Amino acid sequence: QVQLIESGGGLVQAGGSLRLSCAASGRTFSSFYMGWFRQAPGKEREFVAAISRGGVWLSYADSVKGRFTISRDNAKNTVYLQMSSLTPDDTAIYYCAADNNRGFGAPYKYPSEYDYWGQGTQVTVSS
């Protein structure tokens, strides 16, 4: 079992930046692939970014490539999502998730592949 707590969301103007954090506890953080997903009102949860255990493998949604950066600090049991050049389309609840099964290779992009989820943090981008 692992508990995930997101923080860092808020209200930002278009073009601005935010850094989300997700702190994990309960099990060895470095054994999990980690991902960020988001869900806007009336839409399905969608993949944003993910990172392998050691940070070697990274995956991004096309919509955030070049603007968002995922990273992790295994010593601090934390995964980050640095977001820049934000637009109103980035407005959503952002969730971090842990994949307990992936052992090698590029991270999965489907929510169903992730075993543990945080409660989410709201990101609102005003125009």
Foldseek 3Di string as FASTA:
>chain_A
DKAKAKDWADEAAAQAKIKMKIAMDDDQLLLWKKFKWWDDPPDDIWGAKIAHSVRPAIDGDPVQPPFWDWDDDSVRRMIMIIGGSDDQVPWTWMKMFIANPDDDDHDDTDPVRTDDIYPTDTHGYHD
